[in-house]
């Protein structure tokens, strides 16, 4: 009988140990919390199961719902496996959303570590944390006097909460793709170079021929490289930033909708899909229109003429594109602005606007208006006189800008921002070298 009792006791002890081990191995679960809105420095109550007793055995994680930035803290009270209390730490304050320069209520997901991690609370069912200085409304604990609870987080303010929006920042890249790339789901321009993530991503694909996957190493238009905005990867003379600006202006910010497509003003394709409109000119007479030869602002002047980069280009040996001279009074002054590619002189896309450095064709300094009011490829009316740049006469020499950069009966192949070219007796050509 004594042996039977002893065996029974041992069996019960073993069962208790197995049960205890099973319980210890169970992951913690958060079932609820209160209040729904809580200030920094206030106490938040977390209910659930499988918590560990003792504050040293638990950790509480506050993760900003929009981007996962996290603060970890020990609970202030953990005497039960089903309930713990935690004071919202001051470190959370630096992650509160700023609106009009003021921190406002921000949603944070909760997660508990009690030997193992619990799942995070869902974005839509997580507490809203407000600044420490916000006053409580006695009739509704956890809300702020004179305000209503903040709406769900919505990075791009498109009316679709981030919890259900597949592209939180509206940069053209789905959130799951951004997560895999390492770009911010709530930042249109992760690397801060002024060029949006989606534009850089699709430009890189375009540069890579679209038949190949996204290139994972530099250099290419890269949403994680803050130094590449001034680079010209596709060799059309326009930097990534300049093509991005043209893309913003032209055609409604269109990105590819299917594999293998280019898009208007891609930084990875010299001949992207912007139309060859009225202002486009085949500046090098090679039979195709590159992005620099198109007209983003629709003012009848190609982008490069207005960009006036003052760059030099050496044509390869054997090329029919020899430099040609201006027809103005100082034919060697703008020799590098014109090219003969077998069909007569044409602007070669190299340099317009070098009148600013150092002198005009007459050897005088340019008038002040030409030093400050340059032609702008992003503005159809650069000087604001209600006349588009193609029809306008920015150097006031009696010839339109378009006439100066084209050939034929009304064309001169001259500098559109030099009042002395083609006529040194023009009404605005400076007459004193010390001007």
Protein backbone atom coordinates (compact mmCIF):
# COMPACT_ATOMS: atom_id res chain seq x y z
CA UNK A 1 0.00 0.00 0.00
CA UNK A 2 2.83 2.33 0.94
CA UNK A 3 4.53 1.63 -2.42
CA UNK A 4 1.28 2.42 -4.28
CA UNK A 5 0.92 5.75 -2.50
CA UNK A 6 4.55 6.61 -3.21
CA UNK A 7 4.14 5.76 -6.89
CA UNK A 8 1.04 7.93 -7.13
CA UNK A 9 2.80 10.85 -5.53
CA UNK A 10 5.74 10.54 -7.91
CA UNK A 11 3.35 10.40 -10.87
CA UNK A 12 1.61 13.58 -9.72
CA UNK A 13 4.93 15.35 -9.26
CA UNK A 14 6.01 14.33 -12.76
CA UNK A 15 2.70 15.52 -14.24
CA UNK A 16 3.03 18.83 -12.44
CA UNK A 17 6.55 19.26 -13.80
CA UNK A 18 5.40 18.50 -17.36
CA UNK A 19 2.54 20.97 -17.00
CA UNK A 20 4.87 23.62 -15.58
CA UNK A 21 7.32 23.15 -18.45
CA UNK A 22 4.53 23.38 -21.01
CA UNK A 23 3.27 26.56 -19.38
CA UNK A 24 6.80 28.04 -19.27
CA UNK A 25 7.27 27.34 -22.95
CA UNK A 26 4.02 29.02 -23.98
CA UNK A 27 4.47 32.40 -25.72
CA UNK A 28 2.98 35.48 -24.09
CA UNK A 29 -0.20 36.86 -25.63
CA UNK A 30 -1.58 40.41 -25.41
CA UNK A 31 -5.37 40.35 -25.31
CA UNK A 32 -6.16 43.98 -24.40
CA UNK A 33 -4.76 47.22 -23.00
CA UNK A 34 -6.10 50.39 -21.41
CA UNK A 35 -6.51 53.26 -21.84
CA UNK A 36 -6.74 53.44 -25.62
CA UNK A 37 -5.02 56.85 -25.56
CA UNK A 38 -2.28 57.51 -23.02
CA UNK A 39 0.24 60.28 -22.37
CA UNK A 40 3.99 59.90 -22.15
CA UNK A 41 4.67 59.28 -18.43
CA UNK A 42 1.26 57.75 -17.72
CA UNK A 43 0.63 54.11 -16.84
CA UNK A 44 -0.64 51.67 -19.46
CA UNK A 45 -2.24 48.39 -18.33
CA UNK A 46 -1.60 45.35 -20.53
CA UNK A 47 -3.78 42.24 -20.15
CA UNK A 48 -3.05 38.82 -21.59
CA UNK A 49 -1.61 35.46 -20.63
CA UNK A 50 1.66 33.61 -20.20
CA UNK A 51 3.43 36.66 -18.78
CA UNK A 52 6.20 36.03 -16.25
CA UNK A 53 5.99 37.31 -12.71
CA UNK A 54 8.53 39.92 -11.75
CA UNK A 55 9.44 43.12 -13.61
CA UNK A 56 12.96 41.80 -14.34
CA UNK A 57 11.52 38.90 -16.30
CA UNK A 58 9.55 41.00 -18.79
CA UNK A 59 10.08 43.74 -21.34
CA UNK A 60 7.55 45.91 -23.15
CA UNK A 61 8.26 47.26 -26.66
CA UNK A 62 6.60 50.39 -28.12
CA UNK A 63 6.95 50.37 -31.96
CA UNK A 64 5.75 53.34 -34.03
CA UNK A 65 3.11 51.92 -36.35
CA UNK A 66 4.26 53.87 -39.41
CA UNK A 67 7.86 52.73 -39.56
CA UNK A 68 8.63 50.36 -36.65
CA UNK A 69 10.94 52.67 -34.69
CA UNK A 70 11.00 51.07 -31.23
CA UNK A 71 11.54 51.90 -27.55
CA UNK A 72 12.06 49.11 -24.98
CA UNK A 73 11.26 49.38 -21.27
CA UNK A 74 10.65 47.16 -18.22
CA UNK A 75 7.13 47.07 -16.82
CA UNK A 76 6.52 49.01 -13.61
CA UNK A 77 4.46 46.14 -12.18
CA UNK A 78 4.32 42.45 -13.13
CA UNK A 79 2.94 40.40 -10.25
CA UNK A 80 0.59 38.30 -12.40
CA UNK A 81 0.88 36.07 -15.45
CA UNK A 82 -2.19 37.81 -16.90
CA UNK A 83 -1.59 41.49 -16.20
CA UNK A 84 1.24 43.98 -16.16
CA UNK A 85 1.58 47.74 -15.92
CA UNK A 86 4.08 49.92 -17.72
CA UNK A 87 4.84 53.63 -17.57
CA UNK A 88 5.11 55.04 -21.10
CA UNK A 89 8.81 56.04 -21.24
CA UNK A 90 10.00 59.53 -22.09
CA UNK A 91 12.04 58.12 -24.97
CA UNK A 92 8.79 57.56 -26.87
CA UNK A 93 8.33 61.34 -27.10
CA UNK A 94 11.05 61.71 -29.74
CA UNK A 95 9.10 59.42 -32.07
CA UNK A 96 5.78 61.29 -31.84
CA UNK A 97 4.50 62.61 -35.17
CA UNK A 98 5.11 66.34 -35.70
CA UNK A 99 2.31 68.41 -37.23
CA UNK A 100 2.78 72.16 -37.74
CA UNK A 101 5.86 71.95 -35.52
CA UNK A 102 3.98 70.35 -32.61
CA UNK A 103 4.06 66.68 -31.45
CA UNK A 104 0.66 65.02 -31.71
CA UNK A 105 -0.90 61.70 -30.80
CA UNK A 106 0.82 58.80 -32.55
CA UNK A 107 -0.11 55.13 -32.72
CA UNK A 108 2.40 52.62 -31.28
CA UNK A 109 2.14 48.84 -31.54
CA UNK A 110 2.82 46.85 -28.35
CA UNK A 111 4.92 43.72 -27.96
CA UNK A 112 5.87 41.81 -24.79
CA UNK A 113 8.92 39.66 -24.12
CA UNK A 114 8.41 37.10 -21.33
CA UNK A 115 11.01 34.47 -22.12
CA UNK A 116 9.72 34.59 -25.73
CA UNK A 117 8.12 37.35 -27.79
CA UNK A 118 4.43 37.94 -28.15
CA UNK A 119 2.98 39.05 -31.45
CA UNK A 120 2.69 42.80 -31.97
CA UNK A 121 -0.74 44.33 -31.55
CA UNK A 122 -2.25 45.19 -34.93
CA UNK A 123 -1.86 48.74 -36.22
CA UNK A 124 -5.56 49.45 -35.95
CA UNK A 125 -5.76 48.04 -32.40
CA UNK A 126 -2.80 49.72 -30.75
CA UNK A 127 -2.69 52.60 -28.26
CA UNK A 128 -2.34 56.23 -29.30
CA UNK A 129 0.36 57.98 -27.27
CA UNK A 130 0.14 61.74 -26.76
CA UNK A 131 2.72 64.27 -25.49
CA UNK A 132 3.35 64.47 -21.75
CA UNK A 133 1.96 67.99 -21.57
CA UNK A 134 -1.47 67.11 -23.02
CA UNK A 135 -4.33 67.59 -20.54
CA UNK A 136 -6.71 64.74 -19.79
CA UNK A 137 -10.43 65.05 -20.26
CA UNK A 138 -12.03 63.80 -16.99
CA UNK A 139 -15.14 62.63 -18.80
CA UNK A 140 -13.11 60.54 -21.19
CA UNK A 141 -9.81 59.32 -19.68
CA UNK A 142 -7.01 59.06 -22.17
CA UNK A 143 -8.29 61.76 -24.53
CA UNK A 144 -7.02 65.31 -24.80
CA UNK A 145 -9.08 68.32 -23.79
CA UNK A 146 -10.50 70.18 -26.76
CA UNK A 147 -9.42 67.57 -29.31
CA UNK A 148 -10.69 64.36 -30.79
CA UNK A 149 -8.55 61.23 -31.00
CA UNK A 150 -6.20 61.46 -33.96
CA UNK A 151 -7.17 59.64 -37.14
CA UNK A 152 -5.32 56.46 -38.11
CA UNK A 153 -1.81 57.03 -39.42
CA UNK A 154 -1.80 57.99 -43.11
CA UNK A 155 1.70 58.85 -44.41
CA UNK A 156 0.65 60.18 -47.80
CA UNK A 157 -2.60 61.80 -46.61
CA UNK A 158 -4.55 60.07 -49.36
CA UNK A 159 -7.44 59.11 -47.08
CA UNK A 160 -6.43 55.43 -46.91
CA UNK A 161 -4.93 54.49 -43.52
CA UNK A 162 -1.46 52.99 -43.62
CA UNK A 163 -2.87 49.79 -42.16
CA UNK A 164 -4.73 49.14 -45.43
CA UNK A 165 -2.66 51.23 -47.89
CA UNK A 166 -0.28 49.12 -49.99
CA UNK A 167 1.92 52.16 -50.75
CA UNK A 168 1.99 54.25 -47.57
CA UNK A 169 4.15 57.07 -48.93
CA UNK A 170 2.80 57.10 -52.52
CA UNK A 171 6.24 56.87 -54.11
CA UNK A 172 5.22 54.21 -56.62
CA UNK A 173 6.73 51.28 -54.69
CA UNK A 174 4.52 48.84 -52.73
CA UNK A 175 5.32 48.60 -49.02
CA UNK A 176 6.39 44.96 -49.23
CA UNK A 177 8.87 45.81 -52.02
CA UNK A 178 10.25 48.74 -50.02
CA UNK A 179 10.73 46.48 -47.02
CA UNK A 180 12.76 44.06 -49.12
CA UNK A 181 14.83 46.90 -50.62
CA UNK A 182 15.45 48.60 -47.29
CA UNK A 183 13.76 51.86 -48.30
CA UNK A 184 11.32 53.66 -46.01
CA UNK A 185 7.65 52.81 -46.39
CA UNK A 186 6.77 56.27 -45.08
CA UNK A 187 9.46 58.22 -46.95
CA UNK A 188 9.11 59.11 -50.61
CA UNK A 189 12.81 59.93 -50.75
CA UNK A 190 14.63 57.59 -48.39
CA UNK A 191 18.17 58.85 -49.09
CA UNK A 192 17.14 62.52 -49.08
CA UNK A 193 18.72 63.40 -52.43
CA UNK A 194 15.62 65.08 -53.83
CA UNK A 195 14.70 62.16 -56.11
CA UNK A 196 11.82 59.89 -55.09
CA UNK A 197 12.39 56.19 -54.40
CA UNK A 198 10.01 54.97 -57.12
CA UNK A 199 11.64 57.09 -59.81
CA UNK A 200 15.12 55.83 -58.88
CA UNK A 201 14.00 52.21 -58.66
CA UNK A 202 12.31 52.15 -62.07
CA UNK A 203 15.13 54.17 -63.65
CA UNK A 204 17.57 51.51 -62.45
CA UNK A 205 15.42 48.80 -64.03
CA UNK A 206 15.26 50.84 -67.23
CA UNK A 207 19.04 51.23 -67.24
CA UNK A 208 19.36 47.48 -66.69
CA UNK A 209 17.32 46.75 -69.81
CA UNK A 210 14.10 45.88 -67.94
CA UNK A 211 14.62 42.26 -68.88
CA UNK A 212 16.86 41.80 -65.85
CA UNK A 213 15.98 42.17 -62.16
CA UNK A 214 16.68 45.28 -60.14
CA UNK A 215 20.48 45.67 -59.83
CA UNK A 216 21.47 45.24 -56.19
CA UNK A 217 24.81 47.02 -56.21
CA UNK A 218 25.90 50.58 -56.99
CA UNK A 219 26.33 52.47 -59.20
CA UNK A 220 22.91 53.00 -60.74
CA UNK A 221 19.98 55.30 -59.85
CA UNK A 222 19.73 54.16 -56.24
CA UNK A 223 17.14 55.11 -53.62
CA UNK A 224 19.71 54.35 -50.90
CA UNK A 225 22.53 56.49 -52.35
CA UNK A 226 22.20 60.14 -51.40
CA UNK A 227 25.09 61.16 -53.66
CA UNK A 228 23.74 60.12 -57.07
CA UNK A 229 21.23 62.88 -57.89
CA UNK A 230 23.85 64.84 -59.83
CA UNK A 231 24.96 61.84 -61.91
CA UNK A 232 23.91 61.08 -65.47
CA UNK A 233 23.72 57.29 -65.75
CA UNK A 234 22.08 57.08 -69.18
CA UNK A 235 24.38 59.61 -70.83
CA UNK A 236 21.75 61.98 -72.24
CA UNK A 237 23.22 65.04 -70.54
CA UNK A 238 20.46 65.33 -67.93
CA UNK A 239 21.23 64.33 -64.36
CA UNK A 240 18.93 62.08 -62.33
CA UNK A 241 17.60 65.14 -60.50
CA UNK A 242 16.95 67.01 -63.76
CA UNK A 243 15.13 64.09 -65.33
CA UNK A 244 13.12 63.59 -62.13
CA UNK A 245 12.09 67.26 -62.25
CA UNK A 246 11.04 66.89 -65.89
CA UNK A 247 9.12 63.70 -65.02
CA UNK A 248 7.30 65.58 -62.26
CA UNK A 249 6.31 68.30 -64.71
CA UNK A 250 5.54 66.19 -67.76
CA UNK A 251 2.84 63.56 -68.19
CA UNK A 252 1.39 63.16 -64.72
CA UNK A 253 4.22 61.33 -62.92
CA UNK A 254 3.66 58.13 -64.88
CA UNK A 255 5.62 55.02 -63.82
CA UNK A 256 5.67 51.66 -65.63
CA UNK A 257 2.60 49.48 -65.14
CA UNK A 258 4.21 46.31 -66.47
CA UNK A 259 7.63 44.78 -66.88
CA UNK A 260 9.69 45.94 -69.84
CA UNK A 261 8.24 49.44 -70.05
CA UNK A 262 10.09 52.73 -69.95
CA UNK A 263 8.43 55.95 -68.74
CA UNK A 264 8.66 59.70 -69.45
CA UNK A 265 12.07 61.11 -68.59
CA UNK A 266 13.59 57.97 -67.11
CA UNK A 267 17.08 58.44 -65.66
CA UNK A 268 17.97 55.07 -67.14
CA UNK A 269 16.97 55.58 -70.77
CA UNK A 270 18.12 58.31 -73.18
CA UNK A 271 15.01 57.94 -75.31
CA UNK A 272 12.29 57.50 -72.71
CA UNK A 273 8.66 57.89 -73.64
CA UNK A 274 8.08 61.66 -73.40
CA UNK A 275 6.55 62.67 -76.72
CA UNK A 276 8.57 64.35 -79.44
CA UNK A 277 6.39 67.45 -79.33
CA UNK A 278 6.53 70.81 -81.07
CA UNK A 279 9.56 71.97 -79.10
CA UNK A 280 11.66 68.86 -79.65
CA UNK A 281 14.74 69.26 -81.87
CA UNK A 282 17.15 66.64 -83.13
CA UNK A 283 20.09 68.76 -81.99
CA UNK A 284 22.78 66.33 -83.18
CA UNK A 285 20.86 65.32 -86.31
CA UNK A 286 21.21 61.60 -85.58
CA UNK A 287 17.61 60.72 -86.37
CA UNK A 288 16.44 60.15 -82.81
CA UNK A 289 15.22 62.35 -79.98
CA UNK A 290 16.92 61.97 -76.61
CA UNK A 291 15.51 63.36 -73.37
CA UNK A 292 17.69 66.47 -73.60
CA UNK A 293 16.24 67.20 -77.06
CA UNK A 294 12.60 67.04 -75.92
CA UNK A 295 10.61 69.91 -74.44
CA UNK A 296 9.38 69.22 -70.90
CA UNK A 297 7.73 72.60 -70.33
CA UNK A 298 6.20 72.85 -73.82
CA UNK A 299 7.59 76.30 -74.67
CA UNK A 300 8.94 75.37 -78.15
CA UNK A 301 12.56 75.15 -76.94
CA UNK A 302 14.28 71.82 -76.24
CA UNK A 303 15.44 71.13 -72.70
CA UNK A 304 19.15 71.38 -73.45
CA UNK A 305 18.93 74.81 -75.07
CA UNK A 306 17.34 76.15 -71.90
CA UNK A 307 19.59 74.24 -69.51
CA UNK A 308 22.67 76.01 -70.92
CA UNK A 309 25.14 73.73 -69.21
CA UNK A 310 28.20 75.08 -71.00
CA UNK A 311 29.72 71.62 -71.46
CA UNK A 312 32.08 70.41 -74.15
CA UNK A 313 31.63 67.28 -76.23
CA UNK A 314 34.19 65.67 -78.51
CA UNK A 315 32.64 63.70 -81.35
CA UNK A 316 34.43 60.41 -82.13
CA UNK A 317 36.86 60.11 -85.03
CA UNK A 318 35.03 59.41 -88.27
CA UNK A 319 31.82 61.04 -87.05
CA UNK A 320 30.14 63.32 -89.61
CA UNK A 321 29.32 65.70 -86.75
CA UNK A 322 32.00 68.37 -87.15
CA UNK A 323 31.71 71.63 -85.26
CA UNK A 324 30.14 74.45 -87.27
CA UNK A 325 30.28 78.18 -86.67
CA UNK A 326 27.67 80.70 -85.67
CA UNK A 327 26.31 83.06 -88.31
CA UNK A 328 26.64 85.96 -85.90
CA UNK A 329 29.21 88.78 -86.00
CA UNK A 330 31.72 86.78 -83.93
CA UNK A 331 31.60 83.38 -85.63
CA UNK A 332 34.20 81.73 -83.41
CA UNK A 333 32.63 82.89 -80.18
CA UNK A 334 29.95 80.18 -80.19
CA UNK A 335 31.64 77.64 -82.42
CA UNK A 336 30.98 74.84 -79.97
CA UNK A 337 27.25 75.58 -79.89
CA UNK A 338 26.68 74.33 -83.44
CA UNK A 339 27.38 71.09 -85.25
CA UNK A 340 27.24 69.99 -88.86
CA UNK A 341 26.11 66.36 -88.92
CA UNK A 342 25.81 66.20 -92.69
CA UNK A 343 22.63 68.22 -92.91
CA UNK A 344 23.92 71.70 -92.26
CA UNK A 345 24.67 73.43 -88.96
CA UNK A 346 22.37 72.69 -86.03
CA UNK A 347 22.58 73.46 -82.31
CA UNK A 348 24.57 70.51 -81.04
CA UNK A 349 23.25 70.46 -77.52
CA UNK A 350 26.55 71.45 -76.01
CA UNK A 351 26.32 75.02 -74.82
CA UNK A 352 23.90 77.89 -74.92
CA UNK A 353 24.03 80.58 -72.30
CA UNK A 354 27.81 80.98 -72.03
CA UNK A 355 27.18 84.69 -72.57
CA UNK A 356 27.31 84.96 -68.79
CA UNK A 357 30.98 83.94 -68.69
CA UNK A 358 32.65 86.16 -69.46
CA UNK A 359 31.42 88.45 -72.26
CA UNK A 360 29.00 88.88 -75.11
CA UNK A 361 29.97 88.49 -78.76
CA UNK A 362 30.80 92.21 -78.72
CA UNK A 363 33.32 91.66 -75.94
CA UNK A 364 31.22 93.37 -73.27
CA UNK A 365 29.73 91.98 -70.08
CA UNK A 366 26.10 90.88 -70.42
CA UNK A 367 23.33 93.08 -69.03
CA UNK A 368 22.21 92.25 -65.50
CA UNK A 369 18.92 90.70 -66.59
CA UNK A 370 20.76 87.97 -68.49
CA UNK A 371 22.88 87.12 -65.46
CA UNK A 372 19.85 86.58 -63.26
CA UNK A 373 16.95 85.63 -65.54
CA UNK A 374 18.09 82.54 -67.41
CA UNK A 375 15.97 80.35 -69.64
CA UNK A 376 14.46 77.51 -67.59
CA UNK A 377 13.59 74.11 -69.03
CA UNK A 378 11.03 73.64 -66.24
CA UNK A 379 9.25 76.97 -66.78
CA UNK A 380 7.52 77.77 -70.10
CA UNK A 381 7.73 81.50 -69.30
CA UNK A 382 11.11 82.03 -67.63
CA UNK A 383 10.82 85.80 -67.27
CA UNK A 384 7.13 85.93 -66.39
CA UNK A 385 6.02 88.27 -69.18
CA UNK A 386 3.19 85.95 -70.31
CA UNK A 387 5.04 84.94 -73.50
CA UNK A 388 6.37 81.42 -73.74
CA UNK A 389 10.13 81.09 -74.03
CA UNK A 390 10.14 79.93 -77.64
CA UNK A 391 8.25 82.99 -78.86
CA UNK A 392 9.93 85.34 -76.39
CA UNK A 393 13.06 87.41 -76.94
CA UNK A 394 15.00 87.10 -73.69
CA UNK A 395 17.98 89.16 -74.88
CA UNK A 396 15.75 91.85 -76.42
CA UNK A 397 17.71 91.91 -79.67
CA UNK A 398 14.66 91.74 -81.95
CA UNK A 399 14.78 87.98 -82.61
CA UNK A 400 12.79 85.34 -80.79
CA UNK A 401 14.68 82.68 -78.87
CA UNK A 402 13.40 80.06 -81.30
CA UNK A 403 14.63 82.05 -84.32
CA UNK A 404 18.08 82.28 -82.80
CA UNK A 405 18.54 78.52 -82.33
CA UNK A 406 17.04 77.31 -85.61
CA UNK A 407 17.93 77.51 -89.30
CA UNK A 408 16.09 78.48 -92.44
CA UNK A 409 14.56 81.75 -93.58
CA UNK A 410 13.91 82.92 -90.03
CA UNK A 411 16.76 81.08 -88.33
CA UNK A 412 20.17 82.39 -87.39
CA UNK A 413 22.09 79.76 -85.34
CA UNK A 414 22.92 82.37 -82.75
CA UNK A 415 22.99 82.62 -78.96
CA UNK A 416 19.46 83.29 -77.63
CA UNK A 417 20.79 85.07 -74.54
CA UNK A 418 23.39 87.32 -76.16
CA UNK A 419 21.94 90.70 -77.20
CA UNK A 420 24.96 91.26 -79.47
CA UNK A 421 24.45 88.07 -81.49
CA UNK A 422 23.69 88.20 -84.40
CA UNK A 423 23.69 92.00 -84.45
CA UNK A 424 26.15 94.14 -82.50
CA UNK A 425 23.94 97.13 -83.26
CA UNK A 426 20.91 95.55 -81.58
CA UNK A 427 18.99 97.85 -79.23
CA UNK A 428 20.30 96.06 -76.11
CA UNK A 429 23.92 95.21 -77.07
CA UNK A 430 26.15 96.92 -74.47
CA UNK A 431 28.39 99.54 -76.03
CA UNK A 432 30.92 100.04 -73.23
CA UNK A 433 33.39 97.24 -72.41
CA UNK A 434 33.25 98.26 -68.75
CA UNK A 435 29.49 97.72 -68.59
